[in-house]
Structure formats: structure tokens, C-alpha cells
Amino acid sequence: SPEVRARALRTIELYSHFCRATALAPTDVNVVATSAIRDASNRDEFLEQARRISGLNIRVLEREEEAWYGFLAAINSSRRY
């Protein structure tokens, strides 16, 4: 919806401001998008606008790569101490 899109773009914009305020160069930040963007009908338009607003390079994860990161997160958060 337009509201969700606007909120997502505002979040990306705020994050880019944070990065600049903490002296992080765009090349120091790895920004990835998951299935919500990968499967969206307006994917290319959204990514173009997000990149323009933020100045950040946004890479869309492939399904397998997203699954791998999900697996790593689950394994690492399940560790018992």
C-alpha cells in the first residue's frame, strides 16, 4: 500500500542519515532486501527510489541466500550458555 511504501522509504532515509551522522560511508554499509522486496510487483521502482533517497547500495538477496541467513540467525540465537 502507499502508506507501507512511504513508511519503508522514510525508514531507509532515516537510516542513511544515521550512517552519515556516525561517519559511515555508503560503501561501509551492506544493505539487503528480502522477499518482501524481491517478490513485490513494484520492486525496481521501489529500489530506485530507495537508492536515490538514501544514497545506499541496496542488494536484493536471492531466496537461497535469505534462507541461509535465516538459518544462521536461528542457530546463533538458539545457543545455550
N, C-alpha and C. Protein backbone atom coordinates (compact mmCIF):
# COMPACT_ATOMS: atom_id res chain seq x y z
N SER A 1 0.85 -1.19 0.00
CA SER A 1 0.00 0.00 0.00
C SER A 1 0.89 1.25 0.00
N PRO A 2 0.36 2.36 -0.41
CA PRO A 2 1.14 3.60 -0.41
C PRO A 2 1.66 3.98 0.98
N GLU A 3 0.89 3.68 2.02
CA GLU A 3 1.31 4.00 3.38
C GLU A 3 2.52 3.17 3.80
N VAL A 4 2.48 1.88 3.48
CA VAL A 4 3.59 0.99 3.84
C VAL A 4 4.84 1.38 3.05
N ARG A 5 4.67 1.68 1.80
CA ARG A 5 5.79 2.10 0.96
C ARG A 5 6.42 3.37 1.50
N ALA A 6 5.61 4.35 1.85
CA ALA A 6 6.11 5.62 2.39
C ALA A 6 6.85 5.39 3.70
N ARG A 7 6.32 4.54 4.55
CA ARG A 7 6.98 4.24 5.82
C ARG A 7 8.33 3.55 5.59
N ALA A 8 8.39 2.63 4.66
CA ALA A 8 9.65 1.94 4.36
C ALA A 8 10.68 2.91 3.81
N LEU A 9 10.27 3.78 2.92
CA LEU A 9 11.20 4.76 2.35
C LEU A 9 11.69 5.74 3.41
N ARG A 10 10.80 6.14 4.30
CA ARG A 10 11.20 7.05 5.40
C ARG A 10 12.20 6.36 6.31
N THR A 11 12.00 5.09 6.58
CA THR A 11 12.93 4.34 7.42
C THR A 11 14.30 4.25 6.78
N ILE A 12 14.35 3.98 5.51
CA ILE A 12 15.62 3.91 4.78
C ILE A 12 16.30 5.28 4.79
N GLU A 13 15.53 6.33 4.60
CA GLU A 13 16.09 7.67 4.63
C GLU A 13 16.67 7.99 6.01
N LEU A 14 15.95 7.67 7.07
CA LEU A 14 16.45 7.92 8.43
C LEU A 14 17.71 7.11 8.71
N TYR A 15 17.74 5.88 8.24
CA TYR A 15 18.92 5.05 8.44
C TYR A 15 20.13 5.65 7.72
N SER A 16 19.92 6.17 6.53
CA SER A 16 21.04 6.78 5.81
C SER A 16 21.54 8.02 6.53
N HIS A 17 20.64 8.79 7.15
CA HIS A 17 21.05 9.95 7.96
C HIS A 17 21.89 9.48 9.15
N PHE A 18 21.46 8.42 9.80
CA PHE A 18 22.22 7.85 10.92
C PHE A 18 23.63 7.45 10.45
N CYS A 19 23.70 6.79 9.32
CA CYS A 19 25.01 6.36 8.80
C CYS A 19 25.92 7.55 8.57
N ARG A 20 25.40 8.59 7.96
CA ARG A 20 26.22 9.77 7.71
C ARG A 20 26.63 10.45 9.02
N ALA A 21 25.71 10.51 9.98
CA ALA A 21 26.00 11.16 11.27
C ALA A 21 27.06 10.41 12.05
N THR A 22 27.20 9.13 11.82
CA THR A 22 28.20 8.33 12.52
C THR A 22 29.42 8.07 11.64
N ALA A 23 29.55 8.83 10.58
CA ALA A 23 30.71 8.80 9.68
C ALA A 23 30.87 7.47 8.93
N LEU A 24 29.78 6.80 8.68
CA LEU A 24 29.82 5.59 7.86
C LEU A 24 29.61 5.98 6.40
N ALA A 25 30.53 5.59 5.58
CA ALA A 25 30.39 5.84 4.15
C ALA A 25 29.41 4.83 3.56
N PRO A 26 28.73 5.17 2.48
CA PRO A 26 27.81 4.21 1.86
C PRO A 26 28.47 2.87 1.54
N THR A 27 29.76 2.90 1.26
CA THR A 27 30.46 1.65 0.96
C THR A 27 30.75 0.82 2.21
N ASP A 28 30.58 1.42 3.40
CA ASP A 28 30.80 0.71 4.66
C ASP A 28 29.56 -0.04 5.12
N VAL A 29 28.45 0.17 4.44
CA VAL A 29 27.16 -0.38 4.89
C VAL A 29 26.66 -1.39 3.86
N ASN A 30 26.30 -2.57 4.34
CA ASN A 30 25.71 -3.59 3.47
C ASN A 30 24.20 -3.61 3.71
N VAL A 31 23.46 -3.09 2.77
CA VAL A 31 22.00 -3.04 2.87
C VAL A 31 21.42 -4.12 1.98
N VAL A 32 20.59 -4.96 2.56
CA VAL A 32 19.97 -6.03 1.78
C VAL A 32 18.46 -5.97 1.90
N ALA A 33 17.81 -6.44 0.87
CA ALA A 33 16.36 -6.54 0.85
C ALA A 33 16.00 -8.02 0.77
N THR A 34 14.89 -8.36 1.37
CA THR A 34 14.46 -9.76 1.42
C THR A 34 13.24 -9.99 0.52
N SER A 35 12.53 -11.05 0.79
CA SER A 35 11.43 -11.46 -0.08
C SER A 35 10.35 -10.40 -0.25
N ALA A 36 10.15 -9.55 0.75
CA ALA A 36 9.12 -8.51 0.61
C ALA A 36 9.40 -7.63 -0.60
N ILE A 37 10.67 -7.33 -0.83
CA ILE A 37 11.04 -6.52 -1.99
C ILE A 37 11.23 -7.41 -3.21
N ARG A 38 11.89 -8.53 -3.02
CA ARG A 38 12.17 -9.43 -4.15
C ARG A 38 10.90 -9.82 -4.89
N ASP A 39 9.82 -10.06 -4.16
CA ASP A 39 8.58 -10.53 -4.75
C ASP A 39 7.58 -9.42 -5.08
N ALA A 40 7.92 -8.19 -4.77
CA ALA A 40 6.98 -7.08 -4.99
C ALA A 40 6.83 -6.77 -6.48
N SER A 41 5.64 -6.44 -6.87
CA SER A 41 5.39 -6.11 -8.28
C SER A 41 6.07 -4.80 -8.68
N ASN A 42 6.32 -3.93 -7.69
CA ASN A 42 6.96 -2.64 -7.98
C ASN A 42 8.41 -2.62 -7.47
N ARG A 43 9.04 -3.76 -7.45
CA ARG A 43 10.40 -3.94 -6.93
C ARG A 43 11.39 -2.91 -7.49
N ASP A 44 11.51 -2.84 -8.80
CA ASP A 44 12.51 -1.98 -9.42
C ASP A 44 12.25 -0.51 -9.11
N GLU A 45 11.01 -0.11 -9.17
CA GLU A 45 10.65 1.28 -8.87
C GLU A 45 10.97 1.61 -7.41
N PHE A 46 10.62 0.71 -6.50
CA PHE A 46 10.90 0.94 -5.09
C PHE A 46 12.40 1.03 -4.82
N LEU A 47 13.16 0.10 -5.38
CA LEU A 47 14.61 0.09 -5.16
C LEU A 47 15.26 1.35 -5.72
N GLU A 48 14.83 1.78 -6.88
CA GLU A 48 15.37 3.00 -7.48
C GLU A 48 15.13 4.19 -6.56
N GLN A 49 13.91 4.30 -6.05
CA GLN A 49 13.58 5.42 -5.18
C GLN A 49 14.34 5.31 -3.85
N ALA A 50 14.44 4.12 -3.30
CA ALA A 50 15.15 3.93 -2.04
C ALA A 50 16.63 4.27 -2.19
N ARG A 51 17.23 3.86 -3.28
CA ARG A 51 18.64 4.16 -3.52
C ARG A 51 18.86 5.66 -3.71
N ARG A 52 17.94 6.30 -4.42
CA ARG A 52 18.05 7.74 -4.66
C ARG A 52 17.90 8.52 -3.35
N ILE A 53 16.95 8.14 -2.53
CA ILE A 53 16.70 8.82 -1.26
C ILE A 53 17.86 8.64 -0.29
N SER A 54 18.39 7.43 -0.23
CA SER A 54 19.38 7.09 0.79
C SER A 54 20.83 7.24 0.36
N GLY A 55 21.09 7.08 -0.93
CA GLY A 55 22.47 7.06 -1.39
C GLY A 55 23.17 5.74 -1.08
N LEU A 56 22.41 4.77 -0.59
CA LEU A 56 22.97 3.46 -0.24
C LEU A 56 22.75 2.46 -1.36
N ASN A 57 23.67 1.53 -1.46
CA ASN A 57 23.51 0.44 -2.42
C ASN A 57 22.66 -0.64 -1.73
N ILE A 58 21.56 -0.99 -2.33
CA ILE A 58 20.66 -1.99 -1.76
C ILE A 58 20.68 -3.21 -2.65
N ARG A 59 21.06 -4.32 -2.06
CA ARG A 59 21.17 -5.58 -2.80
C ARG A 59 20.02 -6.50 -2.40
N VAL A 60 19.36 -7.07 -3.37
CA VAL A 60 18.26 -8.00 -3.11
C VAL A 60 18.83 -9.40 -2.94
N LEU A 61 18.55 -10.00 -1.79
CA LEU A 61 19.03 -11.36 -1.54
C LEU A 61 18.26 -12.37 -2.39
N GLU A 62 18.96 -13.35 -2.90
CA GLU A 62 18.31 -14.48 -3.57
C GLU A 62 17.64 -15.34 -2.49
N ARG A 63 16.68 -16.13 -2.89
CA ARG A 63 15.94 -16.98 -1.94
C ARG A 63 16.87 -17.85 -1.10
N GLU A 64 17.82 -18.49 -1.74
CA GLU A 64 18.72 -19.40 -1.04
C GLU A 64 19.59 -18.64 -0.05
N GLU A 65 20.04 -17.47 -0.45
CA GLU A 65 20.88 -16.66 0.43
C GLU A 65 20.07 -16.18 1.64
N GLU A 66 18.84 -15.77 1.42
CA GLU A 66 17.98 -15.34 2.52
C GLU A 66 17.72 -16.50 3.48
N ALA A 67 17.48 -17.69 2.93
CA ALA A 67 17.28 -18.87 3.77
C ALA A 67 18.52 -19.18 4.59
N TRP A 68 19.69 -19.05 3.99
CA TRP A 68 20.95 -19.31 4.71
C TRP A 68 21.11 -18.35 5.88
N TYR A 69 20.87 -17.06 5.65
CA TYR A 69 20.98 -16.09 6.74
C TYR A 69 19.94 -16.35 7.82
N GLY A 70 18.75 -16.77 7.44
CA GLY A 70 17.74 -17.14 8.42
C GLY A 70 18.18 -18.32 9.26
N PHE A 71 18.79 -19.31 8.61
CA PHE A 71 19.32 -20.48 9.30
C PHE A 71 20.41 -20.05 10.30
N LEU A 72 21.34 -19.21 9.85
CA LEU A 72 22.40 -18.75 10.73
C LEU A 72 21.84 -17.99 11.94
N ALA A 73 20.85 -17.17 11.71
CA ALA A 73 20.24 -16.42 12.81
C ALA A 73 19.59 -17.36 13.81
N ALA A 74 18.89 -18.37 13.30
CA ALA A 74 18.23 -19.33 14.20
C ALA A 74 19.25 -20.12 15.00
N ILE A 75 20.29 -20.58 14.36
CA ILE A 75 21.33 -21.36 15.05
C ILE A 75 22.02 -20.50 16.10
N ASN A 76 22.37 -19.29 15.75
CA ASN A 76 23.09 -18.44 16.67
C ASN A 76 22.22 -17.92 17.82
N SER A 77 20.94 -17.83 17.62
CA SER A 77 20.07 -17.37 18.71
C SER A 77 19.60 -18.54 19.58
N SER A 78 19.87 -19.76 19.15
CA SER A 78 19.45 -20.94 19.91
C SER A 78 20.54 -21.46 20.83
N ARG A 79 21.68 -20.86 20.76
CA ARG A 79 22.82 -21.35 21.52
C ARG A 79 22.56 -21.22 23.02
N ARG A 80 22.86 -22.28 23.73
CA ARG A 80 22.69 -22.28 25.19
C ARG A 80 24.01 -21.98 25.85
N TYR A 81 23.95 -21.21 26.90
CA TYR A 81 25.17 -20.84 27.62
C TYR A 81 25.24 -21.51 28.96
